[in-house]
PDB file of N, CA and C in Angstrom:
ATOM      1  N   MET A   1    -187.563  21.136  21.028  1.00  0.00           N
ATOM      2  CA  MET A   1    -186.264  20.714  20.425  1.00  0.00           C
ATOM      3  C   MET A   1    -185.506  19.797  21.395  1.00  0.00           C
ATOM      4  N   ARG A   2    -185.771  19.862  22.628  1.00  0.00           N
ATOM      5  CA  ARG A   2    -185.046  18.964  23.555  1.00  0.00           C
ATOM      6  C   ARG A   2    -185.286  17.513  23.274  1.00  0.00           C
ATOM      7  N   ARG A   3    -186.517  17.177  22.778  1.00  0.00           N
ATOM      8  CA  ARG A   3    -186.832  15.794  22.462  1.00  0.00           C
ATOM      9  C   ARG A   3    -185.983  15.282  21.331  1.00  0.00           C
ATOM     10  N   VAL A   4    -185.554  16.147  20.446  1.00  0.00           N
ATOM     11  CA  VAL A   4    -184.771  15.724  19.251  1.00  0.00           C
ATOM     12  C   VAL A   4    -183.481  15.063  19.666  1.00  0.00           C
ATOM     13  N   GLU A   5    -182.938  15.462  20.791  1.00  0.00           N
ATOM     14  CA  GLU A   5    -181.659  14.881  21.287  1.00  0.00           C
ATOM     15  C   GLU A   5    -181.782  13.381  21.561  1.00  0.00           C
ATOM     16  N   ALA A   6    -183.017  12.921  21.773  1.00  0.00           N
ATOM     17  CA  ALA A   6    -183.218  11.461  22.009  1.00  0.00           C
ATOM     18  C   ALA A   6    -183.495  10.687  20.718  1.00  0.00           C
ATOM     19  N   TRP A   7    -183.617  11.394  19.626  1.00  0.00           N
ATOM     20  CA  TRP A   7    -183.861  10.736  18.365  1.00  0.00           C
ATOM     21  C   TRP A   7    -182.645  10.061  17.847  1.00  0.00           C
ATOM     22  N   PRO A   8    -182.736   9.082  16.941  1.00  0.00           N
ATOM     23  CA  PRO A   8    -181.595   8.452  16.308  1.00  0.00           C
ATOM     24  C   PRO A   8    -180.871   9.531  15.487  1.00  0.00           C
ATOM     25  N   GLU A   9    -179.582   9.350  15.369  1.00  0.00           N
ATOM     26  CA  GLU A   9    -178.706  10.323  14.664  1.00  0.00           C
ATOM     27  C   GLU A   9    -179.249  10.598  13.252  1.00  0.00           C
ATOM     28  N   ALA A  10    -179.673   9.625  12.529  1.00  0.00           N
ATOM     29  CA  ALA A  10    -180.115   9.822  11.164  1.00  0.00           C
ATOM     30  C   ALA A  10    -181.349  10.769  11.136  1.00  0.00           C
ATOM     31  N   ALA A  11    -182.245  10.624  12.058  1.00  0.00           N
ATOM     32  CA  ALA A  11    -183.406  11.528  12.192  1.00  0.00           C
ATOM     33  C   ALA A  11    -183.008  12.951  12.485  1.00  0.00           C
ATOM     34  N   GLN A  12    -181.992  13.121  13.378  1.00  0.00           N
ATOM     35  CA  GLN A  12    -181.497  14.380  13.769  1.00  0.00           C
ATOM     36  C   GLN A  12    -180.890  15.117  12.520  1.00  0.00           C
ATOM     37  N   VAL A  13    -180.137  14.347  11.728  1.00  0.00           N
ATOM     38  CA  VAL A  13    -179.474  14.894  10.532  1.00  0.00           C
ATOM     39  C   VAL A  13    -180.509  15.292   9.547  1.00  0.00           C
ATOM     40  N   GLU A  14    -181.574  14.476   9.368  1.00  0.00           N
ATOM     41  CA  GLU A  14    -182.634  14.790   8.458  1.00  0.00           C
ATOM     42  C   GLU A  14    -183.369  16.066   8.878  1.00  0.00           C
ATOM     43  N   LEU A  15    -183.604  16.230  10.155  1.00  0.00           N
ATOM     44  CA  LEU A  15    -184.266  17.445  10.644  1.00  0.00           C
ATOM     45  C   LEU A  15    -183.333  18.675  10.395  1.00  0.00           C
ATOM     46  N   ALA A  16    -182.066  18.537  10.629  1.00  0.00           N
ATOM     47  CA  ALA A  16    -181.155  19.631  10.433  1.00  0.00           C
ATOM     48  C   ALA A  16    -181.064  20.006   8.956  1.00  0.00           C
ATOM     49  N   GLU A  17    -181.102  18.991   8.073  1.00  0.00           N
ATOM     50  CA  GLU A  17    -181.086  19.297   6.634  1.00  0.00           C
ATOM     51  C   GLU A  17    -182.345  20.029   6.229  1.00  0.00           C
ATOM     52  N   LEU A  18    -183.487  19.594   6.744  1.00  0.00           N
ATOM     53  CA  LEU A  18    -184.789  20.309   6.452  1.00  0.00           C
ATOM     54  C   LEU A  18    -184.745  21.744   6.932  1.00  0.00           C
ATOM     55  N   ALA A  19    -184.226  21.954   8.111  1.00  0.00           N
ATOM     56  CA  ALA A  19    -184.110  23.317   8.682  1.00  0.00           C
ATOM     57  C   ALA A  19    -183.209  24.172   7.802  1.00  0.00           C
ATOM     58  N   LEU A  20    -182.134  23.616   7.306  1.00  0.00           N
ATOM     59  CA  LEU A  20    -181.263  24.369   6.411  1.00  0.00           C
ATOM     60  C   LEU A  20    -181.928  24.721   5.100  1.00  0.00           C
ATOM     61  N   GLU A  21    -182.738  23.814   4.576  1.00  0.00           N
ATOM     62  CA  GLU A  21    -183.473  24.112   3.335  1.00  0.00           C
ATOM     63  C   GLU A  21    -184.461  25.205   3.569  1.00  0.00           C
ATOM     64  N   ILE A  22    -185.170  25.157   4.725  1.00  0.00           N
ATOM     65  CA  ILE A  22    -186.102  26.239   5.023  1.00  0.00           C
ATOM     66  C   ILE A  22    -185.419  27.567   5.122  1.00  0.00           C
ATOM     67  N   ASP A  23    -184.299  27.543   5.920  1.00  0.00           N
ATOM     68  CA  ASP A  23    -183.545  28.763   6.079  1.00  0.00           C
ATOM     69  C   ASP A  23    -183.003  29.322   4.778  1.00  0.00           C
ATOM     70  N   ALA A  24    -182.563  28.469   3.874  1.00  0.00           N
ATOM     71  CA  ALA A  24    -182.069  28.900   2.605  1.00  0.00           C
ATOM     72  C   ALA A  24    -183.188  29.584   1.789  1.00  0.00           C
ATOM     73  N   GLY A  25    -184.390  29.081   1.946  1.00  0.00           N
ATOM     74  CA  GLY A  25    -185.515  29.672   1.221  1.00  0.00           C
ATOM     75  C   GLY A  25    -185.813  31.112   1.682  1.00  0.00           C
ATOM     76  N   PHE A  26    -185.509  31.403   2.975  1.00  0.00           N
ATOM     77  CA  PHE A  26    -185.702  32.758   3.464  1.00  0.00           C
ATOM     78  C   PHE A  26    -184.544  33.681   3.056  1.00  0.00           C
ATOM     79  N   SER A  27    -183.355  33.136   2.893  1.00  0.00           N
ATOM     80  CA  SER A  27    -182.215  33.959   2.597  1.00  0.00           C
ATOM     81  C   SER A  27    -181.926  33.989   1.151  1.00  0.00           C
ATOM     82  N   GLY A  28    -182.642  33.250   0.278  1.00  0.00           N
ATOM     83  CA  GLY A  28    -182.440  33.267  -1.143  1.00  0.00           C
ATOM     84  C   GLY A  28    -181.185  32.442  -1.538  1.00  0.00           C
ATOM     85  N   GLU A  29    -180.589  31.725  -0.672  1.00  0.00           N
ATOM     86  CA  GLU A  29    -179.418  30.923  -0.974  1.00  0.00           C
ATOM     87  C   GLU A  29    -179.797  29.474  -1.216  1.00  0.00           C
ATOM     88  N   ASP A  30    -179.061  28.767  -2.040  1.00  0.00           N
ATOM     89  CA  ASP A  30    -179.323  27.396  -2.300  1.00  0.00           C
ATOM     90  C   ASP A  30    -178.652  26.542  -1.196  1.00  0.00           C
ATOM     91  N   TYR A  31    -179.337  25.546  -0.713  1.00  0.00           N
ATOM     92  CA  TYR A  31    -178.758  24.646   0.246  1.00  0.00           C
ATOM     93  C   TYR A  31    -177.991  23.572  -0.454  1.00  0.00           C
ATOM     94  N   ARG A  32    -176.764  23.325  -0.071  1.00  0.00           N
ATOM     95  CA  ARG A  32    -175.954  22.206  -0.634  1.00  0.00           C
ATOM     96  C   ARG A  32    -175.699  21.248   0.492  1.00  0.00           C
ATOM     97  N   ALA A  33    -176.110  20.028   0.230  1.00  0.00           N
ATOM     98  CA  ALA A  33    -175.957  18.965   1.256  1.00  0.00           C
ATOM     99  C   ALA A  33    -174.501  18.685   1.518  1.00  0.00           C
ATOM    100  N   THR A  34    -174.206  18.520   2.792  1.00  0.00           N
ATOM    101  CA  THR A  34    -172.836  18.128   3.178  1.00  0.00           C
ATOM    102  C   THR A  34    -172.686  16.643   2.951  1.00  0.00           C
ATOM    103  N   PRO A  35    -171.446  16.152   2.885  1.00  0.00           N
ATOM    104  CA  PRO A  35    -171.254  14.690   2.650  1.00  0.00           C
ATOM    105  C   PRO A  35    -172.020  13.812   3.659  1.00  0.00           C
ATOM    106  N   PRO A  36    -172.071  14.137   5.016  1.00  0.00           N
ATOM    107  CA  PRO A  36    -172.926  13.279   5.869  1.00  0.00           C
ATOM    108  C   PRO A  36    -174.385  13.320   5.534  1.00  0.00           C
ATOM    109  N   ALA A  37    -174.906  14.468   5.108  1.00  0.00           N
ATOM    110  CA  ALA A  37    -176.295  14.528   4.727  1.00  0.00           C
ATOM    111  C   ALA A  37    -176.535  13.774   3.451  1.00  0.00           C
ATOM    112  N   GLN A  38    -175.591  13.812   2.498  1.00  0.00           N
ATOM    113  CA  GLN A  38    -175.756  13.084   1.266  1.00  0.00           C
ATOM    114  C   GLN A  38    -175.796  11.590   1.503  1.00  0.00           C
ATOM    115  N   ARG A  39    -175.073  11.097   2.461  1.00  0.00           N
ATOM    116  CA  ARG A  39    -175.040   9.658   2.739  1.00  0.00           C
ATOM    117  C   ARG A  39    -176.415   9.195   3.310  1.00  0.00           C
ATOM    118  N   LEU A  40    -177.116  10.121   3.886  1.00  0.00           N
ATOM    119  CA  LEU A  40    -178.438   9.795   4.548  1.00  0.00           C
ATOM    120  C   LEU A  40    -179.609  10.005   3.598  1.00  0.00           C
ATOM    121  N   SER A  41    -179.336  10.477   2.334  1.00  0.00           N
ATOM    122  CA  SER A  41    -180.398  10.725   1.423  1.00  0.00           C
ATOM    123  C   SER A  41    -181.104   9.424   1.084  1.00  0.00           C
ATOM    124  N   VAL A  42    -182.395   9.556   0.939  1.00  0.00           N
ATOM    125  CA  VAL A  42    -183.211   8.364   0.597  1.00  0.00           C
ATOM    126  C   VAL A  42    -183.603   8.461  -0.849  1.00  0.00           C
ATOM    127  N   ALA A  43    -183.367   7.410  -1.602  1.00  0.00           N
ATOM    128  CA  ALA A  43    -183.691   7.435  -3.040  1.00  0.00           C
ATOM    129  C   ALA A  43    -185.182   7.197  -3.224  1.00  0.00           C
TER     130      ALA A  43
END
């Protein structure tokens, strides 16, 4: 995870969003993207 600190911010946010989706799958909760994550969504 230390290497992630050197990644561009957009890649770090994408990784964090993916981690939240995975975590939500384990807890049974839906993940709702925050406004910063929504701005980085790729169509």
